[in-house]
């Protein structure tokens, strides 16, 4: 995973989409998050995001979580999928990059 150009080695952060329900969930570093998304063409908007409120003792994970959730709460983001990565942009700046992870039953 990359956030704002910084590679996150062994990052615990992940995001999962349920297109049929228009919902999203995942792990943001310290807490689980969930909400809704809407996409049209190559744009996506996340809304009604919420998360659990577990304490995060590790400062770097807390910072990662804050940065990650702040990006998702942005108004409108552009995305593309290339070479098994999901890339999320604000304007032309790459903010998030996720690699394909193992698929699990929801």
PDB file of N, CA and C in Angstrom:
ATOM      1  N   UNK A   1       0.832  -1.180   0.000  1.00  0.00           N
ATOM      2  CA  UNK A   1       0.000   0.000   0.000  1.00  0.00           C
ATOM      3  C   UNK A   1       0.875   1.242   0.000  1.00  0.00           C
ATOM      4  N   UNK A   2       0.382   2.256  -0.654  1.00  0.00           N
ATOM      5  CA  UNK A   2       1.043   3.568  -0.637  1.00  0.00           C
ATOM      6  C   UNK A   2       0.029   4.605  -0.206  1.00  0.00           C
ATOM      7  N   UNK A   3       0.498   5.572   0.586  1.00  0.00           N
ATOM      8  CA  UNK A   3      -0.350   6.691   0.955  1.00  0.00           C
ATOM      9  C   UNK A   3       0.446   7.963   0.756  1.00  0.00           C
ATOM     10  N   UNK A   4      -0.110   8.854  -0.053  1.00  0.00           N
ATOM     11  CA  UNK A   4       0.524  10.143  -0.355  1.00  0.00           C
ATOM     12  C   UNK A   4       1.986   9.964  -0.771  1.00  0.00           C
ATOM     13  N   UNK A   5       2.255   8.949  -1.608  1.00  0.00           N
ATOM     14  CA  UNK A   5       3.590   8.734  -2.138  1.00  0.00           C
ATOM     15  C   UNK A   5       4.526   7.942  -1.249  1.00  0.00           C
ATOM     16  N   UNK A   6       4.112   7.587  -0.037  1.00  0.00           N
ATOM     17  CA  UNK A   6       4.962   6.815   0.872  1.00  0.00           C
ATOM     18  C   UNK A   6       4.522   5.369   0.892  1.00  0.00           C
ATOM     19  N   UNK A   7       5.459   4.462   0.592  1.00  0.00           N
ATOM     20  CA  UNK A   7       5.156   3.038   0.651  1.00  0.00           C
ATOM     21  C   UNK A   7       5.006   2.624   2.103  1.00  0.00           C
ATOM     22  N   UNK A   8       3.961   1.874   2.374  1.00  0.00           N
ATOM     23  CA  UNK A   8       3.690   1.374   3.716  1.00  0.00           C
ATOM     24  C   UNK A   8       4.016  -0.116   3.746  1.00  0.00           C
ATOM     25  N   UNK A   9       5.166  -0.458   4.276  1.00  0.00           N
ATOM     26  CA  UNK A   9       5.572  -1.860   4.337  1.00  0.00           C
ATOM     27  C   UNK A   9       4.696  -2.614   5.328  1.00  0.00           C
ATOM     28  N   UNK A  10       4.206  -3.763   4.915  1.00  0.00           N
ATOM     29  CA  UNK A  10       3.367  -4.620   5.760  1.00  0.00           C
ATOM     30  C   UNK A  10       2.208  -3.860   6.397  1.00  0.00           C
ATOM     31  N   UNK A  11       1.594  -3.006   5.643  1.00  0.00           N
ATOM     32  CA  UNK A  11       0.493  -2.197   6.148  1.00  0.00           C
ATOM     33  C   UNK A  11      -0.712  -3.069   6.482  1.00  0.00           C
ATOM     34  N   UNK A  12      -1.347  -2.810   7.630  1.00  0.00           N
ATOM     35  CA  UNK A  12      -2.558  -3.557   7.972  1.00  0.00           C
ATOM     36  C   UNK A  12      -3.804  -2.984   7.294  1.00  0.00           C
ATOM     37  N   UNK A  13      -3.668  -1.857   6.608  1.00  0.00           N
ATOM     38  CA  UNK A  13      -4.815  -1.162   6.018  1.00  0.00           C
ATOM     39  C   UNK A  13      -5.325  -1.917   4.794  1.00  0.00           C
ATOM     40  N   UNK A  14      -6.637  -2.093   4.755  1.00  0.00           N
ATOM     41  CA  UNK A  14      -7.255  -2.671   3.561  1.00  0.00           C
ATOM     42  C   UNK A  14      -8.642  -2.073   3.380  1.00  0.00           C
ATOM     43  N   UNK A  15      -9.160  -2.229   2.186  1.00  0.00           N
ATOM     44  CA  UNK A  15     -10.482  -1.729   1.847  1.00  0.00           C
ATOM     45  C   UNK A  15     -11.180  -2.794   1.009  1.00  0.00           C
ATOM     46  N   UNK A  16     -12.463  -3.008   1.288  1.00  0.00           N
ATOM     47  CA  UNK A  16     -13.267  -3.996   0.585  1.00  0.00           C
ATOM     48  C   UNK A  16     -14.551  -3.321   0.106  1.00  0.00           C
ATOM     49  N   UNK A  17     -14.922  -3.593  -1.126  1.00  0.00           N
ATOM     50  CA  UNK A  17     -16.117  -3.000  -1.714  1.00  0.00           C
ATOM     51  C   UNK A  17     -17.172  -4.074  -1.939  1.00  0.00           C
ATOM     52  N   UNK A  18     -18.416  -3.740  -1.660  1.00  0.00           N
ATOM     53  CA  UNK A  18     -19.552  -4.583  -2.029  1.00  0.00           C
ATOM     54  C   UNK A  18     -20.371  -3.765  -3.022  1.00  0.00           C
ATOM     55  N   UNK A  19     -20.103  -3.985  -4.295  1.00  0.00           N
ATOM     56  CA  UNK A  19     -20.731  -3.173  -5.334  1.00  0.00           C
ATOM     57  C   UNK A  19     -22.250  -3.314  -5.331  1.00  0.00           C
ATOM     58  N   UNK A  20     -22.759  -4.519  -5.100  1.00  0.00           N
ATOM     59  CA  UNK A  20     -24.208  -4.744  -5.111  1.00  0.00           C
ATOM     60  C   UNK A  20     -24.919  -3.901  -4.053  1.00  0.00           C
ATOM     61  N   UNK A  21     -24.302  -3.750  -2.894  1.00  0.00           N
ATOM     62  CA  UNK A  21     -24.904  -2.976  -1.793  1.00  0.00           C
ATOM     63  C   UNK A  21     -24.445  -1.525  -1.775  1.00  0.00           C
ATOM     64  N   UNK A  22     -23.399  -1.218  -2.540  1.00  0.00           N
ATOM     65  CA  UNK A  22     -22.835   0.135  -2.508  1.00  0.00           C
ATOM     66  C   UNK A  22     -22.163   0.435  -1.185  1.00  0.00           C
ATOM     67  N   UNK A  23     -21.643  -0.623  -0.546  1.00  0.00           N
ATOM     68  CA  UNK A  23     -21.015  -0.430   0.759  1.00  0.00           C
ATOM     69  C   UNK A  23     -19.515  -0.712   0.691  1.00  0.00           C
ATOM     70  N   UNK A  24     -18.833  -0.185   1.682  1.00  0.00           N
ATOM     71  CA  UNK A  24     -17.394  -0.337   1.782  1.00  0.00           C
ATOM     72  C   UNK A  24     -17.068  -0.623   3.245  1.00  0.00           C
ATOM     73  N   UNK A  25     -16.027  -1.432   3.459  1.00  0.00           N
ATOM     74  CA  UNK A  25     -15.544  -1.651   4.819  1.00  0.00           C
ATOM     75  C   UNK A  25     -14.078  -2.020   4.743  1.00  0.00           C
ATOM     76  N   UNK A  26     -13.443  -2.007   5.884  1.00  0.00           N
ATOM     77  CA  UNK A  26     -12.035  -2.362   5.907  1.00  0.00           C
ATOM     78  C   UNK A  26     -11.408  -2.066   7.243  1.00  0.00           C
ATOM     79  N   UNK A  27     -10.093  -1.995   7.229  1.00  0.00           N
ATOM     80  CA  UNK A  27      -9.309  -1.725   8.428  1.00  0.00           C
ATOM     81  C   UNK A  27      -8.400  -0.552   8.118  1.00  0.00           C
ATOM     82  N   UNK A  28      -8.407   0.453   8.982  1.00  0.00           N
ATOM     83  CA  UNK A  28      -7.683   1.692   8.710  1.00  0.00           C
ATOM     84  C   UNK A  28      -6.381   1.841   9.488  1.00  0.00           C
ATOM     85  N   UNK A  29      -5.925   0.793  10.121  1.00  0.00           N
ATOM     86  CA  UNK A  29      -4.658   0.857  10.849  1.00  0.00           C
ATOM     87  C   UNK A  29      -4.826   0.527  12.308  1.00  0.00           C
ATOM     88  N   UNK A  30      -5.872   1.066  12.919  1.00  0.00           N
ATOM     89  CA  UNK A  30      -6.207   0.795  14.320  1.00  0.00           C
ATOM     90  C   UNK A  30      -7.645   0.315  14.476  1.00  0.00           C
ATOM     91  N   UNK A  31      -8.504   0.736  13.588  1.00  0.00           N
ATOM     92  CA  UNK A  31      -9.932   0.484  13.705  1.00  0.00           C
ATOM     93  C   UNK A  31     -10.526  -0.029  12.408  1.00  0.00           C
ATOM     94  N   UNK A  32     -11.660  -0.681  12.530  1.00  0.00           N
ATOM     95  CA  UNK A  32     -12.442  -1.076  11.370  1.00  0.00           C
ATOM     96  C   UNK A  32     -13.302   0.110  10.956  1.00  0.00           C
ATOM     97  N   UNK A  33     -13.518   0.255   9.662  1.00  0.00           N
ATOM     98  CA  UNK A  33     -14.374   1.333   9.169  1.00  0.00           C
ATOM     99  C   UNK A  33     -15.399   0.748   8.220  1.00  0.00           C
ATOM    100  N   UNK A  34     -16.454   1.509   7.996  1.00  0.00           N
ATOM    101  CA  UNK A  34     -17.536   1.056   7.134  1.00  0.00           C
ATOM    102  C   UNK A  34     -18.305   2.271   6.653  1.00  0.00           C
ATOM    103  N   UNK A  35     -19.015   2.104   5.583  1.00  0.00           N
ATOM    104  CA  UNK A  35     -19.803   3.197   5.032  1.00  0.00           C
ATOM    105  C   UNK A  35     -20.322   2.840   3.657  1.00  0.00           C
ATOM    106  N   UNK A  36     -20.596   3.861   2.874  1.00  0.00           N
ATOM    107  CA  UNK A  36     -21.138   3.690   1.538  1.00  0.00           C
ATOM    108  C   UNK A  36     -20.218   4.346   0.519  1.00  0.00           C
ATOM    109  N   UNK A  37     -20.396   3.938  -0.724  1.00  0.00           N
ATOM    110  CA  UNK A  37     -19.673   4.593  -1.806  1.00  0.00           C
ATOM    111  C   UNK A  37     -20.576   4.660  -3.022  1.00  0.00           C
ATOM    112  N   UNK A  38     -20.268   5.594  -3.871  1.00  0.00           N
ATOM    113  CA  UNK A  38     -20.954   5.728  -5.156  1.00  0.00           C
ATOM    114  C   UNK A  38     -19.877   6.016  -6.187  1.00  0.00           C
ATOM    115  N   UNK A  39     -19.909   5.272  -7.277  1.00  0.00           N
ATOM    116  CA  UNK A  39     -18.948   5.568  -8.336  1.00  0.00           C
ATOM    117  C   UNK A  39     -19.673   5.758  -9.651  1.00  0.00           C
ATOM    118  N   UNK A  40     -19.095   6.604 -10.462  1.00  0.00           N
ATOM    119  CA  UNK A  40     -19.593   6.837 -11.808  1.00  0.00           C
ATOM    120  C   UNK A  40     -18.385   7.089 -12.686  1.00  0.00           C
ATOM    121  N   UNK A  41     -18.323   6.353 -13.771  1.00  0.00           N
ATOM    122  CA  UNK A  41     -17.167   6.401 -14.662  1.00  0.00           C
ATOM    123  C   UNK A  41     -15.918   6.127 -13.833  1.00  0.00           C
ATOM    124  N   UNK A  42     -14.964   7.046 -13.809  1.00  0.00           N
ATOM    125  CA  UNK A  42     -13.745   6.804 -13.039  1.00  0.00           C
ATOM    126  C   UNK A  42     -13.659   7.704 -11.807  1.00  0.00           C
ATOM    127  N   UNK A  43     -14.813   8.043 -11.240  1.00  0.00           N
ATOM    128  CA  UNK A  43     -14.866   8.845 -10.010  1.00  0.00           C
ATOM    129  C   UNK A  43     -15.600   8.074  -8.922  1.00  0.00           C
ATOM    130  N   UNK A  44     -15.176   8.317  -7.688  1.00  0.00           N
ATOM    131  CA  UNK A  44     -15.778   7.639  -6.544  1.00  0.00           C
ATOM    132  C   UNK A  44     -15.939   8.628  -5.399  1.00  0.00           C
ATOM    133  N   UNK A  45     -17.004   8.457  -4.654  1.00  0.00           N
ATOM    134  CA  UNK A  45     -17.253   9.277  -3.471  1.00  0.00           C
ATOM    135  C   UNK A  45     -17.663   8.351  -2.339  1.00  0.00           C
ATOM    136  N   UNK A  46     -17.021   8.510  -1.199  1.00  0.00           N
ATOM    137  CA  UNK A  46     -17.345   7.738  -0.012  1.00  0.00           C
ATOM    138  C   UNK A  46     -18.224   8.614   0.872  1.00  0.00           C
ATOM    139  N   UNK A  47     -19.247   8.013   1.491  1.00  0.00           N
ATOM    140  CA  UNK A  47     -20.073   8.796   2.405  1.00  0.00           C
ATOM    141  C   UNK A  47     -20.569   7.929   3.547  1.00  0.00           C
ATOM    142  N   UNK A  48     -21.056   8.595   4.550  1.00  0.00           N
ATOM    143  CA  UNK A  48     -21.545   7.958   5.771  1.00  0.00           C
ATOM    144  C   UNK A  48     -20.493   7.016   6.356  1.00  0.00           C
ATOM    145  N   UNK A  49     -19.218   7.443   6.311  1.00  0.00           N
ATOM    146  CA  UNK A  49     -18.146   6.629   6.882  1.00  0.00           C
ATOM    147  C   UNK A  49     -18.175   6.723   8.395  1.00  0.00           C
ATOM    148  N   UNK A  50     -17.969   5.594   9.028  1.00  0.00           N
ATOM    149  CA  UNK A  50     -17.876   5.519  10.484  1.00  0.00           C
ATOM    150  C   UNK A  50     -16.814   4.480  10.808  1.00  0.00           C
ATOM    151  N   UNK A  51     -16.365   4.496  12.044  1.00  0.00           N
ATOM    152  CA  UNK A  51     -15.366   3.508  12.436  1.00  0.00           C
ATOM    153  C   UNK A  51     -15.521   3.169  13.903  1.00  0.00           C
ATOM    154  N   UNK A  52     -14.919   2.038  14.256  1.00  0.00           N
ATOM    155  CA  UNK A  52     -14.848   1.696  15.669  1.00  0.00           C
ATOM    156  C   UNK A  52     -13.911   2.703  16.332  1.00  0.00           C
ATOM    157  N   UNK A  53     -13.855   2.702  17.631  1.00  0.00           N
ATOM    158  CA  UNK A  53     -13.065   3.718  18.336  1.00  0.00           C
ATOM    159  C   UNK A  53     -12.094   3.074  19.332  1.00  0.00           C
ATOM    160  N   UNK A  54     -11.350   2.112  18.850  1.00  0.00           N
ATOM    161  CA  UNK A  54     -10.359   1.446  19.692  1.00  0.00           C
ATOM    162  C   UNK A  54      -9.138   2.345  19.851  1.00  0.00           C
ATOM    163  N   UNK A  55      -8.549   2.307  21.027  1.00  0.00           N
ATOM    164  CA  UNK A  55      -7.322   3.061  21.271  1.00  0.00           C
ATOM    165  C   UNK A  55      -6.204   2.477  20.416  1.00  0.00           C
ATOM    166  N   UNK A  56      -5.311   3.347  19.971  1.00  0.00           N
ATOM    167  CA  UNK A  56      -4.204   2.910  19.127  1.00  0.00           C
ATOM    168  C   UNK A  56      -2.905   3.344  19.794  1.00  0.00           C
ATOM    169  N   UNK A  57      -2.222   2.396  20.386  1.00  0.00           N
ATOM    170  CA  UNK A  57      -1.010   2.707  21.139  1.00  0.00           C
ATOM    171  C   UNK A  57       0.180   3.049  20.243  1.00  0.00           C
ATOM    172  N   UNK A  58       0.178   2.518  19.018  1.00  0.00           N
ATOM    173  CA  UNK A  58       1.310   2.751  18.123  1.00  0.00           C
ATOM    174  C   UNK A  58       1.091   4.046  17.343  1.00  0.00           C
ATOM    175  N   UNK A  59       1.958   5.025  17.586  1.00  0.00           N
ATOM    176  CA  UNK A  59       1.800   6.361  16.991  1.00  0.00           C
ATOM    177  C   UNK A  59       1.783   6.310  15.464  1.00  0.00           C
ATOM    178  N   UNK A  60       2.632   5.480  14.848  1.00  0.00           N
ATOM    179  CA  UNK A  60       2.679   5.442  13.378  1.00  0.00           C
ATOM    180  C   UNK A  60       1.381   4.874  12.794  1.00  0.00           C
ATOM    181  N   UNK A  61       0.755   3.915  13.480  1.00  0.00           N
ATOM    182  CA  UNK A  61      -0.518   3.375  12.985  1.00  0.00           C
ATOM    183  C   UNK A  61      -1.639   4.399  13.165  1.00  0.00           C
ATOM    184  N   UNK A  62      -1.595   5.139  14.248  1.00  0.00           N
ATOM    185  CA  UNK A  62      -2.586   6.189  14.494  1.00  0.00           C
ATOM    186  C   UNK A  62      -2.499   7.263  13.406  1.00  0.00           C
ATOM    187  N   UNK A  63      -1.266   7.665  13.073  1.00  0.00           N
ATOM    188  CA  UNK A  63      -1.059   8.671  12.025  1.00  0.00           C
ATOM    189  C   UNK A  63      -1.525   8.145  10.667  1.00  0.00           C
ATOM    190  N   UNK A  64      -1.190   6.898  10.372  1.00  0.00           N
ATOM    191  CA  UNK A  64      -1.611   6.263   9.123  1.00  0.00           C
ATOM    192  C   UNK A  64      -3.130   6.256   9.020  1.00  0.00           C
ATOM    193  N   UNK A  65      -3.797   5.874  10.100  1.00  0.00           N
ATOM    194  CA  UNK A  65      -5.251   5.825  10.108  1.00  0.00           C
ATOM    195  C   UNK A  65      -5.862   7.199   9.862  1.00  0.00           C
ATOM    196  N   UNK A  66      -5.347   8.214  10.523  1.00  0.00           N
ATOM    197  CA  UNK A  66      -5.877   9.565  10.345  1.00  0.00           C
ATOM    198  C   UNK A  66      -5.717  10.037   8.905  1.00  0.00           C
ATOM    199  N   UNK A  67      -4.554   9.809   8.316  1.00  0.00           N
ATOM    200  CA  UNK A  67      -4.310  10.222   6.931  1.00  0.00           C
ATOM    201  C   UNK A  67      -5.217   9.458   5.964  1.00  0.00           C
ATOM    202  N   UNK A  68      -5.334   8.171   6.168  1.00  0.00           N
ATOM    203  CA  UNK A  68      -6.144   7.331   5.289  1.00  0.00           C
ATOM    204  C   UNK A  68      -7.611   7.748   5.316  1.00  0.00           C
ATOM    205  N   UNK A  69      -8.183   7.885   6.505  1.00  0.00           N
ATOM    206  CA  UNK A  69      -9.602   8.246   6.608  1.00  0.00           C
ATOM    207  C   UNK A  69      -9.859   9.664   6.103  1.00  0.00           C
ATOM    208  N   UNK A  70      -8.911  10.556   6.291  1.00  0.00           N
ATOM    209  CA  UNK A  70      -9.072  11.923   5.767  1.00  0.00           C
ATOM    210  C   UNK A  70      -9.171  11.912   4.243  1.00  0.00           C
ATOM    211  N   UNK A  71      -8.416  11.053   3.594  1.00  0.00           N
ATOM    212  CA  UNK A  71      -8.480  10.955   2.133  1.00  0.00           C
ATOM    213  C   UNK A  71      -9.839  10.424   1.699  1.00  0.00           C
ATOM    214  N   UNK A  72     -10.318   9.373   2.353  1.00  0.00           N
ATOM    215  CA  UNK A  72     -11.612   8.802   1.978  1.00  0.00           C
ATOM    216  C   UNK A  72     -12.762   9.775   2.199  1.00  0.00           C
ATOM    217  N   UNK A  73     -12.607  10.672   3.142  1.00  0.00           N
ATOM    218  CA  UNK A  73     -13.678  11.620   3.427  1.00  0.00           C
ATOM    219  C   UNK A  73     -13.642  12.834   2.508  1.00  0.00           C
ATOM    220  N   UNK A  74     -12.748  12.828   1.552  1.00  0.00           N
ATOM    221  CA  UNK A  74     -12.687  13.917   0.587  1.00  0.00           C
ATOM    222  C   UNK A  74     -13.949  13.888  -0.261  1.00  0.00           C
ATOM    223  N   UNK A  75     -14.218  14.975  -0.954  1.00  0.00           N
ATOM    224  CA  UNK A  75     -15.479  15.079  -1.683  1.00  0.00           C
ATOM    225  C   UNK A  75     -15.600  14.131  -2.868  1.00  0.00           C
ATOM    226  N   UNK A  76     -14.721  14.235  -3.814  1.00  0.00           N
ATOM    227  CA  UNK A  76     -14.808  13.415  -5.019  1.00  0.00           C
ATOM    228  C   UNK A  76     -13.399  13.007  -5.418  1.00  0.00           C
ATOM    229  N   UNK A  77     -13.205  11.737  -5.623  1.00  0.00           N
ATOM    230  CA  UNK A  77     -11.890  11.201  -5.942  1.00  0.00           C
ATOM    231  C   UNK A  77     -11.962  10.460  -7.270  1.00  0.00           C
ATOM    232  N   UNK A  78     -10.862  10.477  -7.984  1.00  0.00           N
ATOM    233  CA  UNK A  78     -10.758   9.731  -9.233  1.00  0.00           C
ATOM    234  C   UNK A  78     -10.032   8.425  -8.926  1.00  0.00           C
ATOM    235  N   UNK A  79     -10.360   7.362  -9.655  1.00  0.00           N
ATOM    236  CA  UNK A  79      -9.673   6.092  -9.434  1.00  0.00           C
ATOM    237  C   UNK A  79      -9.406   5.394 -10.753  1.00  0.00           C
ATOM    238  N   UNK A  80      -8.461   4.473 -10.710  1.00  0.00           N
ATOM    239  CA  UNK A  80      -8.265   3.538 -11.807  1.00  0.00           C
ATOM    240  C   UNK A  80      -7.728   2.235 -11.238  1.00  0.00           C
ATOM    241  N   UNK A  81      -7.856   1.197 -12.021  1.00  0.00           N
ATOM    242  CA  UNK A  81      -7.338  -0.115 -11.653  1.00  0.00           C
ATOM    243  C   UNK A  81      -6.373  -0.509 -12.754  1.00  0.00           C
ATOM    244  N   UNK A  82      -5.131  -0.775 -12.371  1.00  0.00           N
ATOM    245  CA  UNK A  82      -4.100  -1.125 -13.349  1.00  0.00           C
ATOM    246  C   UNK A  82      -3.091  -2.064 -12.707  1.00  0.00           C
ATOM    247  N   UNK A  83      -2.708  -3.093 -13.455  1.00  0.00           N
ATOM    248  CA  UNK A  83      -1.699  -4.035 -12.962  1.00  0.00           C
ATOM    249  C   UNK A  83      -1.988  -4.525 -11.548  1.00  0.00           C
ATOM    250  N   UNK A  84      -3.224  -4.890 -11.281  1.00  0.00           N
ATOM    251  CA  UNK A  84      -3.667  -5.417  -9.996  1.00  0.00           C
ATOM    252  C   UNK A  84      -3.507  -4.425  -8.852  1.00  0.00           C
ATOM    253  N   UNK A  85      -3.596  -3.140  -9.155  1.00  0.00           N
ATOM    254  CA  UNK A  85      -3.600  -2.123  -8.108  1.00  0.00           C
ATOM    255  C   UNK A  85      -4.819  -1.226  -8.271  1.00  0.00           C
ATOM    256  N   UNK A  86      -5.345  -0.782  -7.151  1.00  0.00           N
ATOM    257  CA  UNK A  86      -6.387   0.233  -7.121  1.00  0.00           C
ATOM    258  C   UNK A  86      -5.692   1.532  -6.768  1.00  0.00           C
ATOM    259  N   UNK A  87      -5.808   2.520  -7.637  1.00  0.00           N
ATOM    260  CA  UNK A  87      -5.163   3.820  -7.432  1.00  0.00           C
ATOM    261  C   UNK A  87      -6.245   4.872  -7.241  1.00  0.00           C
ATOM    262  N   UNK A  88      -6.106   5.701  -6.211  1.00  0.00           N
ATOM    263  CA  UNK A  88      -7.079   6.747  -5.909  1.00  0.00           C
ATOM    264  C   UNK A  88      -6.366   8.099  -5.940  1.00  0.00           C
ATOM    265  N   UNK A  89      -6.950   9.039  -6.674  1.00  0.00           N
ATOM    266  CA  UNK A  89      -6.337  10.346  -6.915  1.00  0.00           C
ATOM    267  C   UNK A  89      -7.251  11.474  -6.451  1.00  0.00           C
ATOM    268  N   UNK A  90      -6.662  12.565  -6.037  1.00  0.00           N
ATOM    269  CA  UNK A  90      -7.356  13.848  -5.880  1.00  0.00           C
ATOM    270  C   UNK A  90      -6.774  14.743  -6.949  1.00  0.00           C
ATOM    271  N   UNK A  91      -7.625  15.202  -7.861  1.00  0.00           N
ATOM    272  CA  UNK A  91      -7.156  15.901  -9.055  1.00  0.00           C
ATOM    273  C   UNK A  91      -6.186  14.956  -9.767  1.00  0.00           C
ATOM    274  N   UNK A  92      -4.947  15.342  -9.980  1.00  0.00           N
ATOM    275  CA  UNK A  92      -3.986  14.458 -10.646  1.00  0.00           C
ATOM    276  C   UNK A  92      -2.948  13.880  -9.696  1.00  0.00           C
ATOM    277  N   UNK A  93      -3.148  14.054  -8.401  1.00  0.00           N
ATOM    278  CA  UNK A  93      -2.175  13.570  -7.413  1.00  0.00           C
ATOM    279  C   UNK A  93      -2.600  12.202  -6.882  1.00  0.00           C
ATOM    280  N   UNK A  94      -1.706  11.224  -7.012  1.00  0.00           N
ATOM    281  CA  UNK A  94      -1.959   9.882  -6.497  1.00  0.00           C
ATOM    282  C   UNK A  94      -1.903   9.925  -4.976  1.00  0.00           C
ATOM    283  N   UNK A  95      -3.018   9.567  -4.321  1.00  0.00           N
ATOM    284  CA  UNK A  95      -3.076   9.601  -2.860  1.00  0.00           C
ATOM    285  C   UNK A  95      -3.008   8.219  -2.232  1.00  0.00           C
ATOM    286  N   UNK A  96      -3.646   7.244  -2.860  1.00  0.00           N
ATOM    287  CA  UNK A  96      -3.672   5.883  -2.315  1.00  0.00           C
ATOM    288  C   UNK A  96      -3.419   4.875  -3.416  1.00  0.00           C
ATOM    289  N   UNK A  97      -2.665   3.844  -3.072  1.00  0.00           N
ATOM    290  CA  UNK A  97      -2.455   2.724  -3.985  1.00  0.00           C
ATOM    291  C   UNK A  97      -2.558   1.443  -3.167  1.00  0.00           C
ATOM    292  N   UNK A  98      -3.446   0.558  -3.601  1.00  0.00           N
ATOM    293  CA  UNK A  98      -3.633  -0.730  -2.942  1.00  0.00           C
ATOM    294  C   UNK A  98      -3.278  -1.836  -3.904  1.00  0.00           C
ATOM    295  N   UNK A  99      -2.604  -2.851  -3.405  1.00  0.00           N
ATOM    296  CA  UNK A  99      -2.372  -4.050  -4.180  1.00  0.00           C
ATOM    297  C   UNK A  99      -3.506  -5.032  -3.946  1.00  0.00           C
ATOM    298  N   UNK A 100      -3.660  -5.962  -4.848  1.00  0.00           N
ATOM    299  CA  UNK A 100      -4.687  -6.979  -4.721  1.00  0.00           C
ATOM    300  C   UNK A 100      -4.335  -7.898  -3.577  1.00  0.00           C
ATOM    301  N   UNK A 101      -5.285  -8.140  -2.691  1.00  0.00           N
ATOM    302  CA  UNK A 101      -5.081  -9.041  -1.562  1.00  0.00           C
ATOM    303  C   UNK A 101      -5.903 -10.304  -1.743  1.00  0.00           C
ATOM    304  N   UNK A 102      -5.770 -11.225  -0.822  1.00  0.00           N
ATOM    305  CA  UNK A 102      -6.555 -12.458  -0.904  1.00  0.00           C
ATOM    306  C   UNK A 102      -8.043 -12.143  -0.750  1.00  0.00           C
ATOM    307  N   UNK A 103      -8.867 -12.822  -1.524  1.00  0.00           N
ATOM    308  CA  UNK A 103     -10.303 -12.623  -1.442  1.00  0.00           C
ATOM    309  C   UNK A 103     -10.859 -13.557  -0.374  1.00  0.00           C
ATOM    310  N   UNK A 104     -11.740 -13.021   0.452  1.00  0.00           N
ATOM    311  CA  UNK A 104     -12.366 -13.849   1.481  1.00  0.00           C
ATOM    312  C   UNK A 104     -13.868 -13.698   1.371  1.00  0.00           C
ATOM    313  N   UNK A 105     -14.566 -14.659   1.860  1.00  0.00           N
ATOM    314  CA  UNK A 105     -16.019 -14.587   1.876  1.00  0.00           C
ATOM    315  C   UNK A 105     -16.444 -13.532   2.894  1.00  0.00           C
ATOM    316  N   UNK A 106     -17.431 -12.737   2.531  1.00  0.00           N
ATOM    317  CA  UNK A 106     -17.924 -11.712   3.452  1.00  0.00           C
ATOM    318  C   UNK A 106     -18.951 -12.281   4.384  1.00  0.00           C
TER     319      UNK A 106
END
